[in-house]
Amino acid sequence: MKRRAPWLGLVLGMILVQGVVYQQFLSITENGLRVIFEKGMMRELLLICVVVFFLFTVRGLMAYLVPRVSVWVSNSAIFEIRRDLTTHMMGLDLAYFERTKSGEIIQRLVSQTQALGHFIGLATANAVRDLVTLVIISGYLIWKNPLLFTAAILVLPFIIWVMNFVAAKVKRVQGEAETALGQYMSGIEETVTGMRTVKIASQEDMEIARLEKETARLRDLSLRVQRTQALVVPSVDLSSAFVYVLVIGGGGYMVLNPHFDIDGAGIITFLLGMVLVSDPARMLAQYLGIVQTHLVLLDRVRGLYFETPTIVDAPEALTEFDTGGDIVLDRVRFSYSPDQPLFDGLTMTFRGGQVSAIVGATGSGKTTILSLLSRLYDVQDGQITIGGTPIDRLRVRTLRSAFSVVAQDIVIFNSSIWDNIRYVNPDATDAQIWTAAENAEIAELIRARGDTPVGPKGAQLSGGQKQRIAIARAFLVNAPILLLDEATSALDQGTEARIKSALTRLTKGRTTIVVAHRLSSIADADTIFVLEAGQLVEQGGHAELLAKSGYYAQLYQAQKQGDSDG
């Protein structure tokens, strides 16, 4: 908003014009009443009517321009808030997104920024208009009759007390309401995302009941907020009624008493001024009543800025390194929670240009190693080097650009297959995309589907087709280090066999690290690392590990028995 100071100054100027118009209206009205009651001159009365009409024409023009400019300013501010929030959010660590519900993030970027922008722009401009009107007319009334005005504002301490009471209560309840809304939005997203499971398990009634419970909580909290805010207007109205009675009674006494220099026209004008003040006062009171609500929203939105990334470029970070060198984990220590270390002194070496595989039971740390290599997380002790260069000495973007990833959980957008492949390299030429598609054996499907969207999260594609999109992306990126994270674990053996030829072409000439559950798929790996509970228990070739009759041999035999039983 600071960058828009000239426009805000223009809005303030137009608001001042509105306030002056009201003050001039009161002054001219008083003169008009005296013309009617005392002079009886038609010409002066007609002139007063023309001036009054002109004044309200000016006020009408200002009433049109103020919200137009205010809305433009607020919408521009909303755009910049969302842009800055998105930019900041994209720089946060993966850990933030794993501990924060997506509904809370969506709420901050959508509804809370919208409400803040409207409040700061239009609502605040209206409040400033009401305040200016209140000050100018009150100043005029004080100048006309300070004694009567002083008596009329005796009720002000009561109004202030009501405002403080309402503000404190609204802030507390609004905080609860915003938390409940975030949970409700997260609940909706979870239900929609897991709709396949909901349908198969016939749990529609349970989901309805769960969301209805959250909705009921939102309703109750909203009613509490509105019930508290509803105290403001009647309190101000009752105070205004007291003021009117005081002005009529006290003013009438002054007119009847010869010791006071005031006539009937002055009292009527004073009463009209109080009427003109009451509406801005009521609107200003409502504004002050919702200030606390929007301060809560402001805290929630600013809370995203309080999140700071820990994975950042080191001073004088390097932009070049030996991408074909060995990848070494040297006495690495890492844990997701302080009391449960996953790795404690893990040492591994992935040879450059070779295919290495990581196997082990669920939770042994296989995927975590890939996350550490690409600095989605940082090690807590020890170090990781590529070609002898510590990865924390590299620019994060430089490091990650050296990796291509094919994972089991593939992000597919609701656009064409062509656009989904191009996503990882928007500057790629059509020839490069076709080459990647041919290598991934998905070119024929592109020709068959054309520009047809694949549905939300690729709902119209099979698991094998999604995998081939991921492989085509890896071909298009053409990075020197390839990470395969359970890339074929969700596929049947027939589909896996068709995709394996594409993966063979993809791994050629690259340093490849494969995380695999199906041990038969990594039998050709140069080196296999076997993890158990975060510790490296075995390593070697497939035949070598089988000959040892150790943990790997047990896993292999168990899977082989399971496949034969199936």
Protein backbone atom coordinates (compact mmCIF):
# COMPACT_ATOMS: atom_id res chain seq x y z
CA MET A 1 0.00 0.00 0.00
CA LYS A 2 2.96 2.34 0.58
CA ARG A 3 3.80 2.14 -3.12
CA ARG A 4 0.32 3.43 -3.88
CA ALA A 5 0.60 6.53 -1.69
CA PRO A 6 -0.31 8.96 -4.54
CA TRP A 7 -3.54 7.09 -5.26
CA LEU A 8 -4.33 6.86 -1.57
CA GLY A 9 -3.69 10.58 -1.33
CA LEU A 10 -6.17 11.14 -4.17
CA VAL A 11 -8.75 9.01 -2.34
CA LEU A 12 -8.17 11.00 0.85
CA GLY A 13 -8.60 14.25 -1.08
CA MET A 14 -11.92 13.11 -2.51
CA ILE A 15 -13.01 12.01 0.98
CA LEU A 16 -12.15 15.46 2.35
CA VAL A 17 -14.30 16.99 -0.39
CA GLN A 18 -17.20 14.80 0.77
CA GLY A 19 -16.76 15.96 4.36
CA VAL A 20 -16.59 19.62 3.37
CA VAL A 21 -19.74 19.20 1.27
CA TYR A 22 -21.66 18.04 4.36
CA GLN A 23 -20.33 20.94 6.42
CA GLN A 24 -21.31 23.42 3.72
CA PHE A 25 -24.70 21.78 3.45
CA LEU A 26 -25.32 22.42 7.16
CA SER A 27 -24.20 26.03 6.89
CA ILE A 28 -26.36 26.70 3.84
CA THR A 29 -29.31 24.84 5.40
CA GLU A 30 -29.16 27.11 8.44
CA ASN A 31 -29.16 30.17 6.18
CA GLY A 32 -32.05 28.70 4.19
CA LEU A 33 -34.08 28.20 7.33
CA ARG A 34 -33.55 31.80 8.31
CA VAL A 35 -34.63 32.90 4.82
CA ILE A 36 -37.83 30.89 5.29
CA PHE A 37 -38.52 31.96 8.90
CA GLU A 38 -37.29 35.58 8.83
CA LYS A 39 -36.60 37.18 5.46
CA GLY A 40 -39.05 35.36 3.20
CA MET A 41 -37.09 36.12 0.01
CA MET A 42 -37.86 33.64 -2.78
CA ARG A 43 -34.78 34.48 -4.80
CA GLU A 44 -32.36 33.67 -1.98
CA LEU A 45 -34.26 30.46 -1.23
CA LEU A 46 -33.96 29.40 -4.88
CA LEU A 47 -30.24 30.17 -4.87
CA ILE A 48 -29.78 28.09 -1.73
CA CYS A 49 -31.60 25.16 -3.36
CA VAL A 50 -29.31 25.36 -6.42
CA VAL A 51 -26.19 25.45 -4.25
CA VAL A 52 -27.42 22.48 -2.20
CA PHE A 53 -28.09 20.50 -5.38
CA PHE A 54 -24.61 21.35 -6.68
CA LEU A 55 -23.01 20.29 -3.40
CA PHE A 56 -24.71 16.91 -3.47
CA THR A 57 -23.80 16.47 -7.13
CA VAL A 58 -20.16 16.92 -6.14
CA ARG A 59 -20.62 14.51 -3.25
CA GLY A 60 -22.29 11.98 -5.58
CA LEU A 61 -19.35 12.20 -7.98
CA MET A 62 -16.92 11.65 -5.11
CA ALA A 63 -19.07 8.75 -3.85
CA TYR A 64 -18.65 7.15 -7.30
CA LEU A 65 -14.92 7.79 -7.67
CA VAL A 66 -13.79 6.85 -4.15
CA PRO A 67 -14.89 3.18 -4.30
CA ARG A 68 -13.74 2.87 -7.92
CA VAL A 69 -10.21 3.99 -7.08
CA SER A 70 -10.23 2.13 -3.74
CA VAL A 71 -11.27 -1.16 -5.36
CA TRP A 72 -8.60 -0.76 -8.04
CA VAL A 73 -5.96 -0.13 -5.36
CA SER A 74 -7.13 -3.06 -3.21
CA ASN A 75 -7.29 -5.50 -6.15
CA SER A 76 -3.78 -4.48 -7.18
CA ALA A 77 -2.66 -5.07 -3.60
CA ILE A 78 -4.35 -8.50 -3.54
CA PHE A 79 -2.52 -9.43 -6.74
CA GLU A 80 0.83 -8.43 -5.26
CA ILE A 81 0.13 -10.17 -1.94
CA ARG A 82 -0.69 -13.43 -3.73
CA ARG A 83 2.29 -13.07 -6.05
CA ASP A 84 4.67 -12.43 -3.15
CA LEU A 85 3.15 -15.21 -1.04
CA THR A 86 3.48 -17.66 -3.93
CA THR A 87 7.09 -16.64 -4.55
CA HIS A 88 7.94 -16.97 -0.87
CA MET A 89 6.10 -20.28 -0.58
CA MET A 90 7.99 -21.79 -3.50
CA GLY A 91 11.25 -21.12 -1.69
CA LEU A 92 10.24 -22.97 1.48
CA ASP A 93 11.62 -26.37 2.39
CA LEU A 94 9.76 -29.56 1.56
CA ALA A 95 9.37 -30.14 5.30
CA TYR A 96 6.98 -27.16 5.55
CA PHE A 97 4.59 -28.68 3.01
CA GLU A 98 4.75 -32.07 4.68
CA ARG A 99 3.70 -30.66 8.05
CA THR A 100 1.16 -28.09 6.79
CA LYS A 101 -2.28 -29.01 5.52
CA SER A 102 -2.86 -27.91 1.95
CA GLY A 103 -6.25 -26.47 2.96
CA GLU A 104 -4.50 -23.96 5.23
CA ILE A 105 -2.21 -22.83 2.41
CA ILE A 106 -5.13 -22.50 -0.03
CA GLN A 107 -7.08 -20.55 2.59
CA ARG A 108 -4.25 -18.06 3.01
CA LEU A 109 -3.70 -17.57 -0.71
CA VAL A 110 -7.40 -17.32 -1.64
CA SER A 111 -9.98 -16.29 0.94
CA GLN A 112 -7.82 -14.57 3.55
CA THR A 113 -5.90 -12.39 1.09
CA GLN A 114 -9.19 -11.50 -0.66
CA ALA A 115 -10.79 -10.45 2.63
CA LEU A 116 -7.70 -8.47 3.63
CA GLY A 117 -7.52 -6.68 0.28
CA HIS A 118 -11.20 -5.68 0.45
CA PHE A 119 -10.82 -4.56 4.06
CA ILE A 120 -7.68 -2.50 3.49
CA GLY A 121 -9.00 -1.01 0.27
CA LEU A 122 -12.74 -0.35 0.14
CA ALA A 123 -13.69 -0.89 3.80
CA THR A 124 -10.86 1.29 5.09
CA ALA A 125 -11.58 4.01 2.51
CA ASN A 126 -15.20 4.06 3.67
CA ALA A 127 -14.05 4.18 7.29
CA VAL A 128 -11.75 7.12 6.53
CA ARG A 129 -14.66 8.84 4.77
CA ASP A 130 -16.84 8.31 7.82
CA LEU A 131 -14.09 9.53 10.13
CA VAL A 132 -13.48 12.66 8.04
CA THR A 133 -17.22 13.37 7.92
CA LEU A 134 -17.42 12.86 11.68
CA VAL A 135 -14.49 15.18 12.40
CA ILE A 136 -15.54 17.97 10.02
CA ILE A 137 -19.20 18.03 11.05
CA SER A 138 -18.33 17.65 14.73
CA GLY A 139 -15.88 20.54 14.42
CA TYR A 140 -18.57 22.65 12.82
CA LEU A 141 -21.07 21.76 15.56
CA ILE A 142 -18.51 22.55 18.27
CA TRP A 143 -17.94 25.94 16.65
CA LYS A 144 -21.69 26.57 16.55
CA ASN A 145 -22.50 25.46 20.11
CA PRO A 146 -19.69 23.88 22.18
CA LEU A 147 -21.87 23.51 25.28
CA LEU A 148 -24.59 21.54 23.52
CA PHE A 149 -22.05 19.39 21.67
CA THR A 150 -20.18 18.61 24.90
CA ALA A 151 -23.42 17.49 26.50
CA ALA A 152 -24.21 15.37 23.45
CA ILE A 153 -20.93 13.38 23.60
CA LEU A 154 -21.29 12.39 27.23
CA VAL A 155 -22.24 8.97 25.92
CA LEU A 156 -18.85 8.52 24.19
CA PRO A 157 -17.17 6.56 27.06
CA PHE A 158 -19.98 3.99 26.89
CA ILE A 159 -19.45 3.54 23.13
CA ILE A 160 -15.69 3.09 23.65
CA TRP A 161 -16.33 0.45 26.31
CA VAL A 162 -18.67 -1.44 23.98
CA MET A 163 -16.08 -1.31 21.18
CA ASN A 164 -13.30 -2.69 23.40
CA PHE A 165 -15.55 -5.47 24.71
CA VAL A 166 -16.64 -6.49 21.22
CA ALA A 167 -13.12 -6.28 19.73
CA ALA A 168 -11.57 -8.57 22.33
CA LYS A 169 -14.30 -11.17 22.00
CA VAL A 170 -14.36 -11.07 18.20
CA LYS A 171 -10.59 -11.53 17.93
CA ARG A 172 -10.69 -14.67 20.07
CA VAL A 173 -13.64 -16.26 18.27
CA GLN A 174 -12.39 -15.25 14.81
CA GLY A 175 -9.10 -17.02 15.45
CA GLU A 176 -11.00 -20.22 16.24
CA ALA A 177 -13.17 -19.73 13.14
CA GLU A 178 -10.17 -19.35 10.82
CA THR A 179 -8.58 -22.51 12.23
CA ALA A 180 -11.85 -24.40 11.77
CA LEU A 181 -12.18 -23.13 8.18
CA GLY A 182 -8.67 -24.35 7.35
CA GLN A 183 -9.48 -27.79 8.76
CA TYR A 184 -12.74 -27.88 6.80
CA MET A 185 -10.98 -27.05 3.53
CA SER A 186 -8.34 -29.70 4.23
CA GLY A 187 -11.11 -32.20 4.96
CA ILE A 188 -12.78 -31.46 1.64
CA GLU A 189 -9.50 -31.92 -0.22
CA GLU A 190 -8.81 -35.23 1.55
CA THR A 191 -12.28 -36.49 0.68
CA VAL A 192 -12.02 -35.48 -2.99
CA THR A 193 -8.48 -36.87 -3.32
CA GLY A 194 -9.44 -40.16 -1.72
CA MET A 195 -12.80 -40.52 -3.47
CA ARG A 196 -11.79 -43.84 -5.04
CA THR A 197 -11.21 -45.33 -1.59
CA VAL A 198 -14.41 -43.74 -0.27
CA LYS A 199 -16.46 -45.29 -3.07
CA ILE A 200 -14.86 -48.72 -2.90
CA ALA A 201 -15.23 -48.88 0.89
CA SER A 202 -18.82 -47.48 0.72
CA GLN A 203 -17.93 -44.82 3.27
CA GLU A 204 -19.93 -41.97 1.75
CA ASP A 205 -22.09 -41.68 4.88
CA MET A 206 -19.03 -41.43 7.11
CA GLU A 207 -17.53 -38.67 4.93
CA ILE A 208 -20.85 -36.81 4.93
CA ALA A 209 -20.99 -37.02 8.71
CA ARG A 210 -17.36 -35.90 9.06
CA LEU A 211 -17.75 -32.87 6.81
CA GLU A 212 -21.14 -32.05 8.34
CA LYS A 213 -19.51 -31.96 11.77
CA GLU A 214 -16.86 -29.51 10.54
CA THR A 215 -19.55 -27.42 8.82
CA ALA A 216 -21.59 -27.30 12.03
CA ARG A 217 -18.54 -26.10 13.93
CA LEU A 218 -18.00 -23.36 11.35
CA ARG A 219 -21.65 -22.36 11.62
CA ASP A 220 -21.50 -22.13 15.42
CA LEU A 221 -18.31 -20.08 15.39
CA SER A 222 -19.68 -17.73 12.72
CA LEU A 223 -22.84 -17.25 14.78
CA ARG A 224 -20.72 -16.41 17.83
CA VAL A 225 -18.78 -13.80 15.84
CA GLN A 226 -21.93 -12.28 14.36
CA ARG A 227 -23.74 -12.34 17.70
CA THR A 228 -20.92 -10.38 19.29
CA GLN A 229 -20.66 -7.91 16.40
CA ALA A 230 -24.45 -7.43 16.49
CA LEU A 231 -24.07 -5.65 19.83
CA VAL A 232 -22.38 -2.71 18.15
CA VAL A 233 -25.16 -1.19 16.05
CA PRO A 234 -27.96 -1.24 18.66
CA SER A 235 -25.54 0.17 21.25
CA VAL A 236 -24.67 3.05 18.93
CA ASP A 237 -28.34 3.56 17.99
CA LEU A 238 -29.42 3.76 21.63
CA SER A 239 -26.59 6.18 22.28
CA SER A 240 -27.74 8.26 19.30
CA ALA A 241 -31.30 8.31 20.63
CA PHE A 242 -30.00 9.60 23.94
CA VAL A 243 -28.06 12.29 22.06
CA TYR A 244 -31.12 13.37 20.04
CA VAL A 245 -33.23 13.69 23.16
CA LEU A 246 -30.48 15.69 24.79
CA VAL A 247 -30.14 18.01 21.77
CA ILE A 248 -33.88 18.53 21.40
CA GLY A 249 -34.45 19.08 25.11
CA GLY A 250 -31.32 21.08 25.84
CA GLY A 251 -31.48 23.01 22.58
CA GLY A 252 -35.15 23.83 23.11
CA TYR A 253 -34.31 25.15 26.57
CA MET A 254 -31.57 27.36 25.09
CA VAL A 255 -33.95 28.79 22.49
CA LEU A 256 -36.54 29.60 25.17
CA ASN A 257 -33.95 31.04 27.55
CA PRO A 258 -32.87 34.59 26.60
CA HIS A 259 -29.39 34.03 28.09
CA PHE A 260 -28.36 31.85 25.13
CA ASP A 261 -27.66 33.25 21.64
CA ILE A 262 -29.33 30.54 19.55
CA ASP A 263 -32.53 30.43 17.55
CA GLY A 264 -34.78 27.73 16.11
CA ALA A 265 -32.87 27.56 12.81
CA GLY A 266 -29.63 26.92 14.74
CA ILE A 267 -31.19 24.09 16.78
CA ILE A 268 -32.69 22.44 13.69
CA THR A 269 -29.35 22.69 11.92
CA PHE A 270 -27.56 21.30 14.98
CA LEU A 271 -29.98 18.40 15.15
CA LEU A 272 -29.56 17.78 11.41
CA GLY A 273 -25.79 17.78 11.95
CA MET A 274 -26.15 15.16 14.67
CA VAL A 275 -28.24 13.07 12.28
CA LEU A 276 -25.52 13.37 9.64
CA VAL A 277 -22.92 12.37 12.22
CA SER A 278 -24.82 9.36 13.56
CA ASP A 279 -24.65 7.27 10.40
CA PRO A 280 -20.87 7.70 9.89
CA ALA A 281 -20.42 7.05 13.62
CA ARG A 282 -22.39 3.82 13.36
CA MET A 283 -20.48 2.71 10.25
CA LEU A 284 -17.19 3.62 11.90
CA ALA A 285 -18.20 1.61 14.97
CA GLN A 286 -18.93 -1.38 12.74
CA TYR A 287 -15.55 -0.95 11.08
CA LEU A 288 -13.79 -0.87 14.45
CA GLY A 289 -15.75 -3.98 15.40
CA ILE A 290 -14.29 -5.96 12.48
CA VAL A 291 -10.76 -4.59 12.75
CA GLN A 292 -9.85 -7.37 15.17
CA THR A 293 -11.25 -9.95 12.74
CA HIS A 294 -8.97 -8.74 10.00
CA LEU A 295 -6.00 -8.44 12.32
CA VAL A 296 -6.43 -12.18 12.85
CA LEU A 297 -6.43 -12.67 9.06
CA LEU A 298 -3.35 -10.49 8.77
CA ASP A 299 -1.54 -12.60 11.37
CA ARG A 300 -2.45 -15.77 9.44
CA VAL A 301 -1.23 -14.39 6.11
CA ARG A 302 1.94 -12.92 7.62
CA GLY A 303 2.52 -16.27 9.32
CA LEU A 304 3.57 -17.68 5.96
CA TYR A 305 6.33 -15.06 5.79
CA PHE A 306 7.57 -16.12 9.22
CA GLU A 307 8.40 -19.49 7.68
CA THR A 308 11.96 -19.28 6.43
CA PRO A 309 13.80 -21.87 4.32
CA THR A 310 16.79 -23.61 5.84
CA ILE A 311 18.03 -25.09 2.57
CA VAL A 312 19.60 -22.07 0.86
CA ASP A 313 22.67 -21.32 -1.22
CA ALA A 314 25.89 -21.01 0.74
CA PRO A 315 27.94 -17.82 0.35
CA GLU A 316 29.88 -17.99 -2.91
CA ALA A 317 28.11 -21.23 -3.83
CA LEU A 318 29.54 -23.13 -6.79
CA THR A 319 27.76 -23.41 -10.11
CA GLU A 320 29.84 -26.24 -11.60
CA PHE A 321 30.86 -29.71 -10.40
CA ASP A 322 31.76 -33.13 -11.73
CA THR A 323 28.33 -34.62 -12.38
CA GLY A 324 29.87 -37.90 -13.52
CA GLY A 325 31.87 -38.47 -10.35
CA ASP A 326 31.15 -40.79 -7.44
CA ILE A 327 28.34 -39.88 -5.05
CA VAL A 328 29.53 -40.43 -1.48
CA LEU A 329 27.62 -40.37 1.80
CA ASP A 330 30.24 -39.98 4.52
CA ARG A 331 29.14 -40.72 8.11
CA VAL A 332 25.74 -39.13 7.47
CA ARG A 333 23.41 -38.52 10.39
CA PHE A 334 19.77 -37.58 9.80
CA SER A 335 16.44 -37.79 11.60
CA TYR A 336 12.94 -36.49 11.00
CA SER A 337 12.45 -36.10 14.75
CA PRO A 338 15.23 -35.52 17.32
CA ASP A 339 14.36 -38.55 19.44
CA GLN A 340 14.27 -41.02 16.54
CA PRO A 341 17.43 -40.88 14.36
CA LEU A 342 17.05 -42.62 11.01
CA PHE A 343 20.70 -42.58 9.92
CA ASP A 344 23.53 -42.48 12.43
CA GLY A 345 26.89 -42.56 10.65
CA LEU A 346 25.70 -43.99 7.31
CA THR A 347 28.46 -44.35 4.70
CA MET A 348 27.78 -45.35 1.07
CA THR A 349 29.45 -44.79 -2.31
CA PHE A 350 27.51 -44.77 -5.60
CA ARG A 351 29.98 -45.15 -8.47
CA GLY A 352 29.75 -42.62 -11.27
CA GLY A 353 28.34 -43.99 -14.52
CA GLN A 354 27.10 -47.17 -12.85
CA VAL A 355 23.70 -48.46 -11.79
CA SER A 356 23.32 -48.73 -8.03
CA ALA A 357 20.27 -50.06 -6.23
CA ILE A 358 18.96 -49.52 -2.70
CA VAL A 359 16.70 -52.17 -1.19
CA GLY A 360 15.25 -52.83 2.23
CA ALA A 361 12.05 -53.03 4.19
CA THR A 362 9.57 -50.16 4.37
CA GLY A 363 10.91 -47.40 6.63
CA SER A 364 14.54 -48.37 6.24
CA GLY A 365 15.39 -45.00 4.66
CA LYS A 366 15.62 -45.79 0.94
CA THR A 367 13.66 -42.79 -0.37
CA THR A 368 15.18 -40.53 2.29
CA ILE A 369 18.62 -41.08 0.74
CA LEU A 370 17.32 -39.71 -2.57
CA SER A 371 15.85 -36.71 -0.75
CA LEU A 372 19.20 -36.04 0.93
CA LEU A 373 21.10 -36.29 -2.37
CA SER A 374 18.92 -33.58 -3.95
CA ARG A 375 18.87 -31.48 -0.73
CA LEU A 376 15.16 -31.72 -0.17
CA TYR A 377 16.49 -32.21 3.36
CA ASP A 378 19.92 -31.40 4.77
CA VAL A 379 22.03 -33.88 6.70
CA GLN A 380 22.47 -33.09 10.38
CA ASP A 381 26.01 -34.42 10.53
CA GLY A 382 28.55 -35.85 8.09
CA GLN A 383 28.47 -34.80 4.45
CA ILE A 384 27.46 -35.83 0.94
CA THR A 385 29.79 -35.22 -2.00
CA ILE A 386 29.44 -35.61 -5.77
CA GLY A 387 32.72 -35.87 -7.63
CA GLY A 388 34.47 -34.75 -4.45
CA THR A 389 32.39 -31.54 -4.08
CA PRO A 390 30.17 -31.24 -0.97
CA ILE A 391 26.62 -30.69 -2.18
CA ASP A 392 26.02 -27.95 0.41
CA ARG A 393 28.70 -25.91 -1.39
CA LEU A 394 26.69 -26.00 -4.63
CA ARG A 395 23.88 -23.74 -5.68
CA VAL A 396 20.65 -25.58 -4.95
CA ARG A 397 19.36 -25.01 -8.50
CA THR A 398 22.67 -26.25 -9.97
CA LEU A 399 22.56 -29.40 -7.84
CA ARG A 400 18.95 -30.28 -8.60
CA SER A 401 19.35 -29.63 -12.33
CA ALA A 402 21.81 -32.56 -12.36
CA PHE A 403 19.02 -35.01 -11.42
CA SER A 404 16.22 -36.64 -13.36
CA VAL A 405 13.62 -38.41 -11.24
CA VAL A 406 11.18 -41.17 -12.12
CA ALA A 407 9.03 -41.97 -9.11
CA GLN A 408 6.03 -44.13 -8.32
CA ASP A 409 3.98 -41.10 -7.26
CA ILE A 410 3.87 -39.05 -10.47
CA VAL A 411 2.37 -35.57 -10.70
CA ILE A 412 0.09 -35.48 -13.74
CA PHE A 413 -1.79 -32.30 -14.70
CA ASN A 414 -5.20 -32.11 -16.35
CA SER A 415 -3.84 -31.19 -19.76
CA SER A 416 -2.59 -33.12 -22.78
CA ILE A 417 0.16 -35.74 -22.56
CA TRP A 418 2.31 -33.44 -24.70
CA ASP A 419 1.97 -30.60 -22.20
CA ASN A 420 2.62 -32.95 -19.30
CA ILE A 421 5.92 -33.99 -20.84
CA ARG A 422 6.89 -30.41 -21.74
CA TYR A 423 6.26 -29.34 -18.11
CA VAL A 424 9.81 -30.19 -17.00
CA ASN A 425 11.39 -28.21 -19.85
CA PRO A 426 9.07 -25.48 -21.23
CA ASP A 427 11.77 -24.31 -23.67
CA ALA A 428 12.13 -27.72 -25.34
CA THR A 429 11.55 -27.89 -29.10
CA ASP A 430 8.87 -30.07 -30.65
CA ALA A 431 11.58 -32.36 -32.01
CA GLN A 432 13.07 -32.84 -28.54
CA ILE A 433 9.64 -33.68 -27.08
CA TRP A 434 8.93 -36.19 -29.87
CA THR A 435 12.33 -37.82 -29.31
CA ALA A 436 11.65 -38.11 -25.57
CA ALA A 437 8.19 -39.55 -26.27
CA GLU A 438 9.57 -42.09 -28.74
CA ASN A 439 12.27 -43.19 -26.29
CA ALA A 440 9.63 -43.59 -23.57
CA GLU A 441 7.34 -45.49 -25.98
CA ILE A 442 4.43 -43.12 -25.50
CA ALA A 443 4.49 -41.31 -28.87
CA GLU A 444 1.67 -43.45 -30.30
CA LEU A 445 -0.60 -42.57 -27.38
CA ILE A 446 0.11 -38.86 -27.97
CA ARG A 447 -0.91 -39.22 -31.61
CA ALA A 448 -4.08 -41.09 -30.61
CA ARG A 449 -5.19 -38.64 -27.89
CA GLY A 450 -3.96 -35.38 -29.42
CA ASP A 451 -4.71 -32.38 -27.20
CA THR A 452 -7.30 -34.19 -25.08
CA PRO A 453 -6.77 -33.53 -21.34
CA VAL A 454 -5.92 -36.62 -19.30
CA GLY A 455 -8.27 -35.77 -16.41
CA PRO A 456 -7.51 -34.57 -12.86
CA LYS A 457 -4.27 -36.22 -11.69
CA GLY A 458 -4.24 -38.26 -14.90
CA ALA A 459 -7.42 -40.15 -14.04
CA GLN A 460 -7.87 -41.26 -17.68
CA LEU A 461 -4.44 -42.89 -17.87
CA SER A 462 -3.25 -46.28 -16.69
CA GLY A 463 -0.35 -46.70 -14.27
CA GLY A 464 1.95 -47.74 -17.10
CA GLN A 465 1.02 -44.71 -19.20
CA LYS A 466 1.75 -42.40 -16.28
CA GLN A 467 5.11 -44.07 -15.81
CA ARG A 468 5.97 -43.57 -19.47
CA ILE A 469 5.14 -39.85 -19.11
CA ALA A 470 7.57 -39.72 -16.18
CA ILE A 471 10.22 -41.51 -18.25
CA ALA A 472 9.66 -39.12 -21.18
CA ARG A 473 10.16 -36.21 -18.79
CA ALA A 474 13.45 -37.72 -17.65
CA PHE A 475 14.58 -38.09 -21.29
CA LEU A 476 13.60 -34.46 -21.94
CA VAL A 477 15.55 -33.16 -18.94
CA ASN A 478 18.52 -35.32 -19.99
CA ALA A 479 20.27 -34.90 -16.62
CA PRO A 480 23.48 -36.84 -15.89
CA ILE A 481 22.20 -38.44 -12.67
CA LEU A 482 19.04 -40.55 -12.70
CA LEU A 483 16.98 -41.40 -9.61
CA LEU A 484 14.41 -44.20 -9.96
CA ASP A 485 12.19 -44.31 -6.87
CA GLU A 486 9.97 -47.41 -6.94
CA ALA A 487 9.39 -46.55 -10.60
CA THR A 488 7.77 -49.90 -11.50
CA SER A 489 6.54 -51.22 -8.15
CA ALA A 490 2.87 -50.43 -8.87
CA LEU A 491 2.88 -52.12 -12.28
CA ASP A 492 2.07 -55.67 -13.23
CA GLN A 493 4.92 -57.76 -14.60
CA GLY A 494 3.74 -57.48 -18.21
CA THR A 495 3.61 -53.68 -18.11
CA GLU A 496 6.90 -53.58 -16.21
CA ALA A 497 8.57 -55.62 -18.96
CA ARG A 498 7.41 -53.13 -21.63
CA ILE A 499 8.64 -50.17 -19.60
CA LYS A 500 11.95 -51.81 -18.75
CA SER A 501 13.24 -51.33 -22.31
CA ALA A 502 12.58 -47.59 -22.00
CA LEU A 503 14.34 -47.51 -18.63
CA THR A 504 17.32 -49.36 -20.10
CA ARG A 505 17.72 -46.64 -22.75
CA LEU A 506 17.27 -43.98 -20.07
CA THR A 507 19.97 -45.32 -17.75
CA LYS A 508 22.59 -45.72 -20.47
CA GLY A 509 25.60 -43.49 -19.78
CA ARG A 510 24.13 -42.05 -16.59
CA THR A 511 24.87 -42.47 -12.91
CA THR A 512 21.70 -44.25 -11.82
CA ILE A 513 20.38 -44.91 -8.32
CA VAL A 514 17.40 -47.24 -8.12
CA VAL A 515 15.14 -47.61 -5.09
CA ALA A 516 13.28 -50.86 -5.62
CA HIS A 517 10.88 -53.09 -3.78
CA ARG A 518 10.79 -55.86 -6.40
CA LEU A 519 14.28 -57.36 -6.19
CA SER A 520 14.05 -59.13 -9.53
CA SER A 521 13.99 -55.72 -11.24
CA ILE A 522 17.46 -54.75 -9.97
CA ALA A 523 19.31 -58.02 -10.57
CA ASP A 524 21.45 -56.34 -13.25
CA ALA A 525 22.56 -53.46 -10.99
CA ASP A 526 26.32 -53.01 -10.60
CA THR A 527 26.01 -52.59 -6.84
CA ILE A 528 23.10 -53.30 -4.50
CA PHE A 529 22.97 -51.64 -1.07
CA VAL A 530 20.81 -53.37 1.54
CA LEU A 531 19.36 -51.22 4.33
CA GLU A 532 17.75 -52.33 7.55
CA ALA A 533 16.39 -49.76 10.05
CA GLY A 534 18.62 -47.03 8.61
CA GLN A 535 21.81 -49.08 8.64
CA LEU A 536 23.77 -50.49 5.71
CA VAL A 537 23.91 -54.23 6.39
CA GLU A 538 25.07 -55.59 3.02
CA GLN A 539 26.35 -54.47 -0.35
CA GLY A 540 27.51 -56.14 -3.55
CA GLY A 541 26.18 -57.63 -6.79
CA HIS A 542 23.01 -59.71 -7.04
CA ALA A 543 24.78 -63.07 -7.30
CA GLU A 544 27.30 -62.11 -4.62
CA LEU A 545 24.56 -61.17 -2.14
CA LEU A 546 22.61 -64.36 -2.82
CA ALA A 547 25.76 -66.38 -2.19
CA LYS A 548 26.15 -64.76 1.25
CA SER A 549 22.73 -66.13 2.29
CA GLY A 550 22.18 -63.00 4.37
CA TYR A 551 19.38 -60.47 4.70
CA TYR A 552 19.19 -59.81 0.94
CA ALA A 553 18.94 -63.53 0.18
CA GLN A 554 16.10 -63.81 2.71
CA LEU A 555 14.21 -60.92 1.08
CA TYR A 556 14.74 -62.40 -2.38
CA GLN A 557 13.57 -65.87 -1.40
CA ALA A 558 10.51 -64.44 0.39
CA GLN A 559 9.51 -62.45 -2.71
CA LYS A 560 10.15 -65.41 -4.99
CA GLN A 561 7.95 -67.60 -2.80
CA GLY A 562 5.26 -64.94 -2.77
CA ASP A 563 5.29 -64.65 -6.57
CA SER A 564 5.00 -68.44 -6.97
CA ASP A 565 2.13 -68.58 -4.48
CA GLY A 566 0.38 -65.81 -6.39
